[in-house]
Protein backbone atom coordinates (compact mmCIF):
# COMPACT_ATOMS: atom_id res chain seq x y z
CA MET A 1 85.20 92.68 89.45
CA LYS A 2 88.73 92.97 90.68
CA SER A 3 89.88 94.20 94.07
CA VAL A 4 93.48 94.36 95.22
CA LEU A 5 94.41 94.60 98.90
CA ALA A 6 98.09 95.47 98.50
CA LEU A 7 99.71 95.29 101.90
CA GLY A 8 102.76 97.15 100.71
CA SER A 9 100.63 100.03 99.41
CA LEU A 10 98.72 100.63 102.64
CA PHE A 11 101.39 103.00 103.90
CA SER A 12 100.97 105.51 101.09
CA SER A 13 97.21 105.08 100.62
CA ALA A 14 96.31 105.56 104.27
CA LEU A 15 98.64 108.49 104.77
CA ALA A 16 97.14 110.17 101.70
CA ALA A 17 93.60 109.86 103.05
CA PRO A 18 92.46 113.00 104.91
CA LEU A 19 89.85 111.20 107.04
CA VAL A 20 92.19 109.60 109.57
CA SER A 21 94.94 111.14 111.64
CA TRP A 22 97.91 109.23 112.98
CA SER A 23 97.23 107.14 116.06
CA PRO A 24 99.02 104.40 118.05
CA ALA A 25 96.59 101.86 116.57
CA LEU A 26 97.43 102.96 113.03
CA GLY A 27 101.13 102.80 113.83
CA GLU A 28 100.72 99.27 115.17
CA PHE A 29 98.88 98.30 111.99
CA TYR A 30 101.64 99.70 109.75
CA ALA A 31 104.24 97.85 111.80
CA ALA A 32 102.37 94.55 111.39
CA VAL A 33 102.07 95.05 107.62
CA ASP A 34 105.78 95.79 107.39
CA ARG A 35 106.64 92.67 109.42
CA HIS A 36 104.68 90.48 107.00
CA ILE A 37 106.31 92.07 103.97
CA GLN A 38 109.80 91.55 105.39
CA LEU A 39 109.00 87.97 106.44
CA ALA A 40 107.65 87.17 102.96
CA ARG A 41 110.90 88.38 101.42
CA GLN A 42 113.00 86.38 103.87
CA GLU A 43 111.00 83.18 103.39
CA GLY A 44 110.80 83.47 99.63
CA THR A 45 107.01 83.62 99.50
CA VAL A 46 107.30 86.16 96.71
CA ALA A 47 108.06 83.13 94.53
CA ASN A 48 105.66 80.81 96.41
CA PRO A 49 102.84 83.00 97.72
CA PRO A 50 100.38 81.81 100.37
CA THR A 51 96.96 80.59 99.31
CA CYS A 52 93.58 81.72 100.59
CA ASP A 53 92.80 78.42 102.25
CA LEU A 54 90.06 79.28 104.74
CA SER A 55 90.48 75.91 106.44
CA GLN A 56 93.58 77.51 107.98
CA ALA A 57 91.66 80.47 109.44
CA VAL A 58 91.10 80.41 113.19
CA GLN A 59 88.39 82.43 114.89
CA PRO A 60 89.32 84.74 117.76
CA VAL A 61 87.92 83.45 121.06
CA ALA A 62 85.28 85.51 122.85
CA PRO A 63 85.66 86.24 126.59
CA THR A 64 82.78 83.80 127.13
CA PRO A 65 83.44 81.38 124.27
CA LEU A 66 80.70 81.02 121.70
CA PRO A 67 79.66 77.52 120.56
CA ALA A 68 82.01 76.01 117.99
CA PRO A 69 80.85 75.77 114.38
CA ASP A 70 78.76 72.71 113.63
CA PRO A 71 80.99 69.87 112.32
CA SER A 72 78.96 69.84 109.10
CA TRP A 73 79.81 73.50 108.39
CA SER A 74 82.71 74.85 106.35
CA LEU A 75 84.04 78.41 106.46
CA ALA A 76 82.99 80.07 103.20
CA GLU A 77 83.88 83.74 103.58
CA VAL A 78 85.07 86.37 106.08
CA VAL A 79 84.07 90.00 105.72
CA ILE A 80 84.41 93.33 107.49
CA GLY A 81 81.03 94.85 108.26
CA ARG A 82 81.04 98.66 108.48
CA GLY A 83 77.90 100.58 109.29
CA VAL A 84 75.60 101.60 112.12
CA GLN A 85 73.63 100.00 114.94
CA ASN A 86 70.22 101.63 115.31
CA TYR A 87 68.33 102.34 118.54
CA THR A 88 65.09 103.91 119.72
CA CYS A 89 64.07 105.66 122.94
CA SER A 90 60.46 106.02 124.09
CA SER A 91 61.48 109.11 126.05
CA ALA A 92 64.64 111.07 126.82
CA SER A 93 64.77 109.77 130.37
CA LYS A 94 67.53 108.31 132.49
CA ASP A 95 65.01 105.65 133.52
CA VAL A 96 64.62 104.37 129.94
CA VAL A 97 67.11 102.04 128.25
CA PRO A 98 67.73 102.36 124.47
CA LYS A 99 66.08 99.57 122.49
CA PRO A 100 68.00 98.06 119.54
CA ILE A 101 66.11 98.15 116.25
CA GLY A 102 68.63 96.55 113.91
CA ALA A 103 71.71 97.46 111.93
CA ILE A 104 72.76 98.53 108.46
CA ALA A 105 76.24 97.74 107.16
CA SER A 106 78.26 97.27 104.01
CA LEU A 107 80.29 94.04 103.81
CA TYR A 108 83.85 93.88 102.48
CA ASN A 109 85.77 90.70 101.68
CA VAL A 110 88.81 89.93 103.86
CA SER A 111 88.93 86.14 103.35
CA CYS A 112 92.58 86.09 102.30
CA ILE A 113 93.57 88.19 105.29
CA ALA A 114 91.68 85.80 107.59
CA ALA A 115 93.46 82.82 106.05
CA ASN A 116 96.96 84.26 106.28
CA TYR A 117 97.23 87.29 108.58
CA PRO A 118 95.02 86.95 111.70
CA ASP A 119 96.88 89.73 113.51
CA ILE A 120 96.03 92.20 110.74
CA LEU A 121 92.46 90.90 110.51
CA ASN A 122 91.88 91.60 114.20
CA MET A 123 93.02 95.20 113.75
CA LEU A 124 90.77 95.96 110.79
CA PRO A 125 87.41 96.61 112.52
CA GLY A 126 88.98 99.19 114.84
CA LEU A 127 90.68 100.89 111.89
CA ALA A 128 87.61 100.70 109.64
CA LEU A 129 85.63 102.49 112.34
CA GLN A 130 87.90 105.52 111.93
CA TYR A 131 86.95 105.90 108.24
CA ALA A 132 83.61 107.27 107.09
CA LEU A 133 81.54 104.93 104.97
CA PRO A 134 81.97 105.66 101.24
CA ALA A 135 79.38 108.11 99.91
CA ASP A 136 78.86 105.67 97.03
CA PRO A 137 77.17 102.55 98.48
CA THR A 138 78.79 100.41 95.76
CA ALA A 139 82.34 101.63 96.46
CA ASN A 140 85.15 99.64 98.05
CA LEU A 141 86.38 100.36 101.58
CA GLU A 142 89.29 102.76 101.87
CA PRO A 143 92.14 103.18 102.44
CA ALA A 144 92.95 99.60 101.42
CA ASN A 145 90.42 99.29 98.57
CA ILE A 146 88.76 96.24 100.14
CA GLU A 147 86.11 94.85 97.82
CA LEU A 148 82.42 95.31 98.56
CA VAL A 149 80.64 91.93 98.49
CA GLY A 150 77.27 92.61 100.08
CA HIS A 151 75.08 94.34 102.62
CA HIS A 152 73.61 93.66 106.05
CA TYR A 153 70.20 94.96 107.11
CA PHE A 154 67.06 94.06 109.03
CA THR A 155 63.77 93.33 107.26
CA SER A 156 60.52 95.11 108.12
CA ASN A 157 59.66 92.26 110.50
CA GLY A 158 63.02 92.53 112.28
CA THR A 159 64.87 89.60 110.68
CA PRO A 160 68.67 90.09 110.43
CA THR A 161 69.62 89.64 106.78
CA PHE A 162 72.90 89.33 104.88
CA ASP A 163 72.75 89.89 101.12
CA LEU A 164 75.85 88.31 99.60
CA THR A 165 74.61 87.97 96.03
CA GLN A 166 77.32 90.20 94.63
CA VAL A 167 79.80 87.79 93.00
CA ASN A 168 83.40 88.18 94.15
CA SER A 169 84.94 86.85 90.98
CA VAL A 170 88.57 87.91 90.62
CA SER A 171 89.44 89.18 94.06
CA THR A 172 93.08 88.98 95.09
CA ALA A 173 95.26 90.11 97.92
CA SER A 174 98.96 90.77 97.69
CA ILE A 175 102.01 90.98 99.87
CA GLY A 176 104.92 92.91 98.49
CA ASN A 177 104.42 92.64 94.73
CA THR A 178 102.94 89.14 94.74
CA ASP A 179 99.23 88.42 94.30
CA ILE A 180 97.42 85.66 96.17
CA ALA A 181 94.10 84.44 94.80
CA ASP A 182 90.95 84.98 96.82
CA ILE A 183 87.77 82.96 97.29
CA ASP A 184 85.20 82.93 94.47
CA SER A 185 81.72 83.12 95.98
CA SER A 186 78.17 84.31 95.87
CA LEU A 187 76.60 83.05 99.07
CA GLY A 188 73.05 84.22 98.44
CA ILE A 189 70.78 85.91 100.97
CA ALA A 190 70.96 84.66 104.55
CA LYS A 191 68.14 85.22 107.03
CA VAL A 192 69.41 84.54 110.53
CA LYS A 193 68.37 84.31 114.17
CA LEU A 194 70.36 84.79 117.37
CA THR A 195 71.72 81.58 118.89
CA SER A 196 74.37 82.75 121.37
CA ASN A 197 76.19 85.91 122.44
CA SER A 198 79.25 87.01 124.40
CA THR A 199 80.30 90.38 125.78
CA ALA A 200 83.07 91.99 123.73
CA PRO A 201 86.58 92.07 125.26
CA ALA A 202 87.19 94.95 127.68
CA ASP A 203 89.89 96.40 125.39
CA ALA A 204 87.70 96.43 122.25
CA PRO A 205 87.50 99.86 120.55
CA LYS A 206 84.68 101.79 122.23
CA GLY A 207 83.82 103.99 119.26
CA GLU A 208 85.13 106.45 116.70
CA ASN A 209 88.52 107.84 117.71
CA GLY A 210 88.35 105.69 120.84
CA VAL A 211 85.33 107.59 122.19
CA GLY A 212 82.01 105.85 122.72
CA ASP A 213 79.96 103.59 124.94
CA GLY A 214 81.66 100.34 123.99
CA ALA A 215 81.68 97.52 121.46
CA VAL A 216 78.57 95.50 120.69
CA THR A 217 78.46 91.84 121.69
CA TRP A 218 79.93 88.96 119.74
CA LEU A 219 77.26 86.69 118.27
CA LEU A 220 76.49 83.32 116.76
CA LEU A 221 73.60 83.52 114.30
CA ASP A 222 71.95 80.48 112.70
CA SER A 223 70.25 80.57 109.32
CA THR A 224 66.49 80.42 109.41
CA TYR A 225 63.41 80.32 107.18
CA GLY A 226 63.75 82.45 104.05
CA THR A 227 67.48 81.92 103.48
CA GLU A 228 68.32 81.75 99.77
CA GLY A 229 71.66 80.00 99.42
CA ASP A 230 73.78 77.75 101.55
CA VAL A 231 74.74 79.89 104.55
CA LYS A 232 74.22 77.81 107.70
CA GLY A 233 75.70 80.05 110.37
CA VAL A 234 77.26 83.47 110.88
CA TYR A 235 79.59 84.67 113.65
CA ARG A 236 79.91 88.36 114.47
CA LEU A 237 83.35 88.78 116.03
CA THR A 238 86.01 91.42 116.80
CA THR A 239 83.46 94.19 117.21
CA ALA A 240 84.34 97.88 117.43
CA GLY A 241 81.87 100.49 118.66
CA GLY A 242 78.14 100.25 118.11
CA LYS A 243 76.98 100.07 121.72
CA ALA A 244 74.27 102.46 122.90
CA PRO A 245 74.51 104.68 126.00
CA ALA A 246 73.30 103.07 129.21
CA THR A 247 70.16 105.22 129.30
CA CYS A 248 68.05 107.41 127.01
CA GLU A 249 68.81 110.58 128.95
CA SER A 250 69.19 113.43 126.40
CA SER A 251 68.85 110.95 123.49
CA PRO A 252 66.61 111.49 120.44
CA ALA A 253 63.74 109.11 119.73
CA VAL A 254 65.81 107.28 117.09
CA PHE A 255 69.60 107.34 116.78
CA SER A 256 72.49 105.41 115.24
CA VAL A 257 75.91 104.40 116.56
CA GLN A 258 78.82 103.71 114.21
CA TYR A 259 80.31 100.20 114.36
CA ALA A 260 82.50 97.67 112.60
CA ALA A 261 82.99 93.93 113.02
CA THR A 262 84.19 90.79 111.30
CA TYR A 263 81.53 88.37 110.09
CA TRP A 264 82.42 84.72 109.50
CA PHE A 265 80.04 82.91 107.12
CA TYR A 266 79.72 79.12 107.19
CA SER A 267 78.06 76.92 104.59
CA SER A 268 77.51 73.18 104.51
CA SER A 269 80.74 71.22 103.94
CA SER A 270 79.33 69.51 100.85
CA SER A 271 78.85 72.85 99.08
CA SER A 272 82.31 74.33 99.64
């Protein structure tokens, strides 16, 4: 399966999409893409393109820093998660706080972006939140045609799960007209548990079109019993939206809040 994230084509593809109107954030994103294209031409990386070496990727730092990856771990893949956080209310009362009951999200591979363009990576969750999820659950993420590589959900017993069994076999990214090879991976099915969390930055996107109750927390999740594959740890970073209202006043018994985030998957060093 081939997916092409053509930085130079984002201008025309995003402008052609009817789901998003112009915004300062979108303008900043276009400007960053253009800077990278111009720099690539100046530095001659059209002839010598960058590689997707994830050892060069650097995590953003949470306001309260999360624990560093275990020294035995190696970064295996970075994805954008786009979906919903789910909540329940026992009554529509201002004295009741919404209770989280899991999340559902589609996962899209941005490993090459993480390795080479951290400024663009950090913008993507906020931009992804402005686009509706594809009606086809197997489709790529528009407007940049980012390849679907898996799904995130909670099991019936409440275990957070990441299904990354969809092989990402020929994925590439490109800058200008030059392709850069992506990471080949099928990371299996990771069952995880919460290890640590940090409040999202105050300037994180609060919700769709900048309206909402805030961004969900940043997390460190460790693999647990039932994991099929070599995922050892997962970080949820750069969140956008997803936070519930402070109380259940006027809320239905069950509701969902749109969100996006980056997820950083680590495997054991010996397997990468």
